Amino acid sequence: MRIIFAGTPEFSAETLKALLTTEHEICAVYTQPDRPSGRGRKLTASPVKQLALEHSIPVEQPPNFKEQDSKQILADYQADLMIVVAYGLLLPQVILDTPKYGCINIHASLLPRWRGAAPIQRAILAGDAETGICIMQMEAGLDTGPVLSRSSCPIHNDDTAQVLHDRLAALGSQTLLNTLPKLNELQQNAQDQDSSLSNYARKLQKAEATIDWQRSALDISRQIHAFNPWPVAQSSWKGETFRIWLAKAIHEQHNVNAGDILAVNRDGIDVATGQGVLRLTQVQIPGKRSMPVSDFLNANPMAIGEHLG
């Protein structure tokens, strides 16, 4: 097939890499306009654009599809199919209807469980036992289209958003490659979603990163894992920002205030919460890299009875 690929971040690039190993022709790549990045705020191409240029694939970066020119350019590629993976732009119905077989989307959730921008992080925050990949026929609604195929995977207690992201990126690529040979048949037998079972996976906000120690150790550990690598869960210690990258809930009781430090050793920093104890294992203070607690304590003495938050 002649395929248009639309995606922007590294998650999308993994799928494009897999497609480039097949017999299909990638006739064009659509990705978000270059954005300022890094300390110098230099305009930087997306991972998908960088990969496309390496393989001499035409790249299109319209800010939207409101102009007739952008609609016509896409139509001129005469694609059989458009594959969309974390593209970042809503596609109007005229675009969805342009390719011969329409547009399909790789979504990192077992739809309709999590629809929206941050399904990986929201699944971890909610304590879901499993997640997965859905290949969906796209409609004008937000992740509402019928599901063509799906693959599931467990969410482990110590999975961070980055770890789960990488697992799902690989699973998404493989699920897509298994789907394409049967596309026509799967489209005819696509399963409609039950919208009554859906949740909105809203985009992450930095304000969500602040830890409330009155919550349970289990809830806080999920927050820490869901926000690794961004925006990174944080508290305060001695008046400075104290970022927590990794932690685990300990099933222990205590009789002190939430946020009080109960134990300090090379295995971790144990902190009282509203329910149970949280053991911090990787932390960061301003001006320093994140590091295991054993390294952190070498230069930053911390005492039992001190308080976080």
Protein backbone atom coordinates (compact mmCIF):
# COMPACT_ATOMS: atom_id res chain seq x y z
CA MET A 1 0.00 0.00 0.00
CA ARG A 2 0.90 3.64 -0.37
CA ILE A 3 0.92 4.92 3.20
CA ILE A 4 1.01 8.39 4.72
CA PHE A 5 2.45 8.26 8.22
CA ALA A 6 1.53 10.95 10.76
CA GLY A 7 3.30 11.17 14.12
CA THR A 8 5.62 13.33 16.19
CA PRO A 9 7.37 11.92 19.33
CA GLU A 10 9.67 8.94 19.86
CA PHE A 11 6.67 6.66 20.41
CA SER A 12 5.63 7.37 16.80
CA ALA A 13 9.15 7.00 15.45
CA GLU A 14 9.29 3.41 16.70
CA THR A 15 6.28 2.56 14.54
CA LEU A 16 7.74 4.33 11.51
CA LYS A 17 10.95 2.31 11.91
CA ALA A 18 8.91 -0.90 11.83
CA LEU A 19 6.95 0.21 8.74
CA LEU A 20 10.18 0.94 6.90
CA THR A 21 11.05 -2.77 7.13
CA THR A 22 7.89 -3.80 5.24
CA GLU A 23 6.99 -3.88 1.55
CA HIS A 24 4.67 -0.86 1.97
CA GLU A 25 5.61 2.49 0.44
CA ILE A 26 5.74 5.43 2.85
CA CYS A 27 4.89 8.18 0.37
CA ALA A 28 4.87 11.02 2.93
CA VAL A 29 5.35 11.76 6.61
CA TYR A 30 3.27 14.33 8.48
CA THR A 31 4.60 15.68 11.77
CA GLN A 32 4.25 18.73 14.01
CA PRO A 33 6.15 21.91 13.07
CA ASP A 34 9.67 22.19 14.52
CA ARG A 35 9.60 23.45 18.12
CA PRO A 36 12.13 25.31 20.30
CA SER A 37 14.00 22.85 22.50
CA GLY A 38 16.83 22.76 25.03
CA ARG A 39 18.48 25.62 26.90
CA GLY A 40 19.22 27.49 23.68
CA ARG A 41 15.58 27.14 22.56
CA LYS A 42 16.82 26.08 19.13
CA LEU A 43 14.21 24.92 16.62
CA THR A 44 14.33 21.14 16.68
CA ALA A 45 12.80 18.58 14.33
CA SER A 46 10.61 15.87 15.84
CA PRO A 47 11.98 12.31 16.10
CA VAL A 48 9.61 11.31 13.29
CA LYS A 49 10.86 14.08 10.99
CA GLN A 50 14.48 13.19 11.69
CA LEU A 51 13.82 9.55 10.79
CA ALA A 52 11.90 10.49 7.64
CA LEU A 53 14.72 12.73 6.41
CA GLU A 54 17.24 9.93 7.01
CA HIS A 55 15.21 7.80 4.59
CA SER A 56 14.52 10.60 2.07
CA ILE A 57 10.77 10.56 2.69
CA PRO A 58 8.85 13.79 1.90
CA VAL A 59 7.89 15.63 5.12
CA GLU A 60 4.83 17.84 5.56
CA GLN A 61 4.35 20.03 8.65
CA PRO A 62 1.07 21.96 8.34
CA PRO A 63 0.04 23.84 11.52
CA ASN A 64 -3.48 22.52 10.91
CA PHE A 65 -5.73 21.34 8.09
CA LYS A 66 -7.94 24.41 7.83
CA GLU A 67 -6.43 25.69 4.57
CA GLN A 68 -7.50 24.20 1.27
CA ASP A 69 -3.85 23.93 0.20
CA SER A 70 -3.01 21.55 3.06
CA LYS A 71 -6.01 19.37 2.21
CA GLN A 72 -5.05 19.27 -1.47
CA ILE A 73 -1.39 18.43 -0.79
CA LEU A 74 -2.46 15.41 1.26
CA ALA A 75 -4.94 14.32 -1.43
CA ASP A 76 -2.25 14.59 -4.12
CA TYR A 77 -0.24 11.83 -2.47
CA GLN A 78 -3.08 9.43 -3.45
CA ALA A 79 -2.47 7.27 -0.39
CA ASP A 80 -4.25 4.01 0.27
CA LEU A 81 -4.01 4.50 4.02
CA MET A 82 -2.97 7.06 6.62
CA ILE A 83 -1.46 5.72 9.87
CA VAL A 84 -1.61 8.14 12.81
CA VAL A 85 0.46 7.66 15.97
CA ALA A 86 0.60 10.47 18.57
CA TYR A 87 0.50 13.08 15.82
CA GLY A 88 -0.86 15.90 17.99
CA LEU A 89 -3.33 17.41 15.50
CA LEU A 90 -7.04 16.72 15.21
CA LEU A 91 -7.91 15.55 11.72
CA PRO A 92 -11.11 16.94 10.15
CA GLN A 93 -13.53 14.55 8.45
CA VAL A 94 -12.35 15.55 4.98
CA ILE A 95 -8.84 14.31 5.85
CA LEU A 96 -10.15 11.11 7.44
CA ASP A 97 -12.05 10.38 4.22
CA THR A 98 -9.20 11.14 1.80
CA PRO A 99 -7.14 7.88 1.77
CA LYS A 100 -8.74 4.83 0.11
CA TYR A 101 -8.94 2.90 3.41
CA GLY A 102 -9.27 5.98 5.61
CA CYS A 103 -7.07 6.69 8.64
CA ILE A 104 -6.13 4.29 11.41
CA ASN A 105 -4.64 5.17 14.77
CA ILE A 106 -2.37 3.33 17.20
CA HIS A 107 -3.60 4.20 20.70
CA ALA A 108 -1.77 3.20 23.90
CA SER A 109 -4.78 1.99 25.88
CA LEU A 110 -7.29 -0.83 25.82
CA LEU A 111 -10.08 1.35 24.46
CA PRO A 112 -12.45 2.62 25.60
CA ARG A 113 -10.62 2.63 28.98
CA TRP A 114 -8.48 5.76 28.41
CA ARG A 115 -9.19 8.23 25.60
CA GLY A 116 -7.03 11.32 25.23
CA ALA A 117 -3.46 12.58 25.39
CA ALA A 118 -1.93 10.73 28.38
CA PRO A 119 -3.32 7.16 28.52
CA ILE A 120 -0.04 5.62 29.74
CA GLN A 121 0.31 7.92 32.75
CA ARG A 122 -3.39 7.84 33.63
CA ALA A 123 -3.40 4.04 33.62
CA ILE A 124 -0.51 3.97 36.12
CA LEU A 125 -2.13 6.66 38.30
CA ALA A 126 -5.39 4.73 38.41
CA GLY A 127 -3.63 1.53 39.46
CA ASP A 128 -4.76 -0.40 36.37
CA ALA A 129 -3.47 -3.97 36.30
CA GLU A 130 -3.11 -4.00 32.52
CA THR A 131 -3.06 -1.78 29.50
CA GLY A 132 -2.27 -2.34 25.85
CA ILE A 133 -2.56 -1.19 22.26
CA CYS A 134 -5.61 -0.65 20.10
CA ILE A 135 -5.57 -0.16 16.35
CA MET A 136 -8.60 2.03 15.71
CA GLN A 137 -10.40 3.27 12.60
CA MET A 138 -10.41 7.02 13.10
CA GLU A 139 -13.56 9.14 13.38
CA ALA A 140 -13.99 12.84 14.07
CA GLY A 141 -14.44 12.16 17.83
CA LEU A 142 -11.54 11.86 20.28
CA ASP A 143 -10.41 8.21 20.17
CA THR A 144 -13.99 7.06 19.60
CA GLY A 145 -13.58 5.00 16.42
CA PRO A 146 -14.23 1.27 16.07
CA VAL A 147 -11.37 -1.02 17.13
CA LEU A 148 -9.74 -3.19 14.47
CA SER A 149 -7.32 -5.11 16.69
CA ARG A 150 -5.86 -5.01 20.19
CA SER A 151 -2.97 -6.40 22.24
CA SER A 152 -2.71 -6.28 26.03
CA CYS A 153 0.20 -6.20 28.48
CA PRO A 154 0.44 -6.08 32.28
CA ILE A 155 1.36 -3.00 34.31
CA HIS A 156 3.90 -3.97 36.98
CA ASN A 157 4.07 -2.23 40.35
CA ASP A 158 7.48 -0.73 39.56
CA ASP A 159 6.69 0.38 35.99
CA THR A 160 7.42 4.03 35.32
CA ALA A 161 5.72 5.89 32.48
CA GLN A 162 8.97 5.65 30.50
CA VAL A 163 9.28 1.89 30.96
CA LEU A 164 5.65 1.32 30.02
CA HIS A 165 5.97 3.76 27.10
CA ASP A 166 8.84 1.75 25.66
CA ARG A 167 7.00 -1.57 26.11
CA LEU A 168 3.88 -0.20 24.43
CA ALA A 169 5.85 1.39 21.57
CA ALA A 170 7.23 -2.05 20.68
CA LEU A 171 3.83 -3.69 21.17
CA GLY A 172 2.16 -1.04 19.01
CA SER A 173 4.57 -1.58 16.14
CA GLN A 174 4.09 -5.35 16.21
CA THR A 175 0.30 -5.08 16.50
CA LEU A 176 0.21 -2.76 13.49
CA LEU A 177 2.35 -5.10 11.37
CA ASN A 178 -0.01 -7.97 12.27
CA THR A 179 -3.03 -5.83 11.39
CA LEU A 180 -2.07 -4.48 7.96
CA PRO A 181 -2.25 -7.79 6.03
CA LYS A 182 -5.84 -8.30 7.28
CA LEU A 183 -6.92 -4.64 7.10
CA ASN A 184 -9.85 -5.04 4.73
CA GLU A 185 -11.33 -7.95 6.70
CA LEU A 186 -10.76 -6.23 10.05
CA GLN A 187 -12.42 -3.02 8.86
CA GLN A 188 -15.51 -4.99 7.90
CA ASN A 189 -15.64 -6.62 11.36
CA ALA A 190 -14.52 -3.67 13.49
CA GLN A 191 -15.86 -3.51 17.05
CA ASP A 192 -17.66 -0.35 18.16
CA GLN A 193 -16.55 1.04 21.51
CA ASP A 194 -18.82 1.23 24.55
CA SER A 195 -18.51 4.92 25.40
CA SER A 196 -20.07 4.37 28.84
CA LEU A 197 -16.81 2.65 29.86
CA SER A 198 -14.49 5.46 28.73
CA ASN A 199 -12.34 7.81 30.82
CA TYR A 200 -10.62 11.00 29.68
CA ALA A 201 -6.82 10.78 29.88
CA ARG A 202 -6.19 14.50 30.10
CA LYS A 203 -2.77 15.95 29.36
CA LEU A 204 -0.37 16.06 32.32
CA GLN A 205 0.09 19.36 34.16
CA LYS A 206 3.10 20.39 36.25
CA ALA A 207 0.74 21.28 39.10
CA GLU A 208 -0.12 17.59 39.48
CA ALA A 209 3.49 16.78 40.41
CA THR A 210 3.36 18.10 44.00
CA ILE A 211 3.01 15.27 46.50
CA ASP A 212 0.30 15.36 49.16
CA TRP A 213 1.73 13.21 51.96
CA GLN A 214 -1.75 12.78 53.45
CA ARG A 215 -2.55 10.39 50.59
CA SER A 216 -1.70 6.70 50.85
CA ALA A 217 1.78 5.34 50.14
CA LEU A 218 0.33 3.30 47.27
CA ASP A 219 -1.28 6.34 45.62
CA ILE A 220 1.89 8.41 45.98
CA SER A 221 4.06 5.63 44.54
CA ARG A 222 1.77 5.52 41.51
CA GLN A 223 2.06 9.29 41.16
CA ILE A 224 5.86 9.07 41.26
CA HIS A 225 5.99 6.31 38.65
CA ALA A 226 3.41 7.95 36.37
CA PHE A 227 5.31 11.27 36.38
CA ASN A 228 8.70 9.71 35.59
CA PRO A 229 10.23 11.11 33.36
CA TRP A 230 7.89 14.17 33.28
CA PRO A 231 6.94 16.28 35.14
CA VAL A 232 8.59 14.32 38.02
CA ALA A 233 6.83 14.13 41.38
CA GLN A 234 8.17 16.58 43.94
CA SER A 235 8.00 17.75 47.53
CA SER A 236 10.22 20.11 49.51
CA TRP A 237 13.07 19.53 51.95
CA LYS A 238 14.76 22.30 53.93
CA GLY A 239 12.98 24.88 51.78
CA GLU A 240 14.19 23.45 48.46
CA THR A 241 12.50 21.42 45.76
CA PHE A 242 12.97 17.72 46.37
CA ARG A 243 12.19 15.59 43.31
CA ILE A 244 11.39 11.92 43.66
CA TRP A 245 12.02 9.63 40.70
CA LEU A 246 11.49 6.18 42.18
CA ALA A 247 9.79 4.84 45.31
CA LYS A 248 7.79 1.90 46.60
CA ALA A 249 5.01 1.50 49.12
CA ILE A 250 5.87 -0.38 52.33
CA HIS A 251 3.10 -2.09 54.27
CA GLU A 252 4.00 -0.68 57.67
CA GLN A 253 2.07 1.31 60.26
CA HIS A 254 3.29 4.47 62.01
CA ASN A 255 2.08 7.02 64.56
CA VAL A 256 3.77 10.21 63.29
CA ASN A 257 2.71 13.03 60.97
CA ALA A 258 2.46 12.41 57.25
CA GLY A 259 5.65 13.64 55.60
CA ASP A 260 7.88 12.80 58.58
CA ILE A 261 11.03 10.80 57.85
CA LEU A 262 11.00 7.45 59.68
CA ALA A 263 14.22 5.82 58.53
CA VAL A 264 17.32 6.75 56.54
CA ASN A 265 19.73 4.17 55.15
CA ARG A 266 21.30 3.01 51.91
CA ASP A 267 18.17 1.05 51.00
CA GLY A 268 16.03 4.17 50.99
CA ILE A 269 14.40 7.04 52.83
CA ASP A 270 11.20 5.91 54.57
CA VAL A 271 8.51 8.60 54.77
CA ALA A 272 5.21 8.47 56.66
CA THR A 273 2.09 8.96 54.56
CA GLY A 274 -1.61 9.17 55.30
CA GLN A 275 -1.72 5.39 55.01
CA GLY A 276 1.46 3.32 55.16
CA VAL A 277 5.09 4.15 54.51
CA LEU A 278 6.77 5.19 51.27
CA ARG A 279 10.40 4.21 50.64
CA LEU A 280 12.19 6.69 48.36
CA THR A 281 14.95 5.07 46.30
CA GLN A 282 15.94 7.67 43.68
CA VAL A 283 15.84 11.43 44.33
CA GLN A 284 17.13 14.78 43.09
CA ILE A 285 17.80 18.25 44.50
CA PRO A 286 18.29 21.48 42.50
CA GLY A 287 21.50 21.67 40.51
CA LYS A 288 22.18 17.94 40.78
CA ARG A 289 21.30 14.92 38.67
CA SER A 290 18.86 12.32 39.92
CA MET A 291 20.64 9.59 41.87
CA PRO A 292 20.08 6.53 44.05
CA VAL A 293 19.47 7.36 47.71
CA SER A 294 22.74 5.64 48.66
CA ASP A 295 24.66 8.22 46.59
CA PHE A 296 22.44 11.13 47.64
CA LEU A 297 23.04 10.53 51.35
CA ASN A 298 26.82 10.65 50.92
CA ALA A 299 26.66 14.41 50.35
CA ASN A 300 23.27 15.25 51.86
CA PRO A 301 22.83 13.99 55.45
CA MET A 302 19.18 13.47 56.33
CA ALA A 303 17.90 12.65 59.79
CA ILE A 304 14.98 10.74 61.22
CA GLY A 305 12.28 13.18 62.31
CA GLU A 306 12.90 15.69 59.52
CA HIS A 307 9.89 16.58 57.40
CA LEU A 308 9.12 16.64 53.68
CA GLY A 309 6.57 19.05 52.30
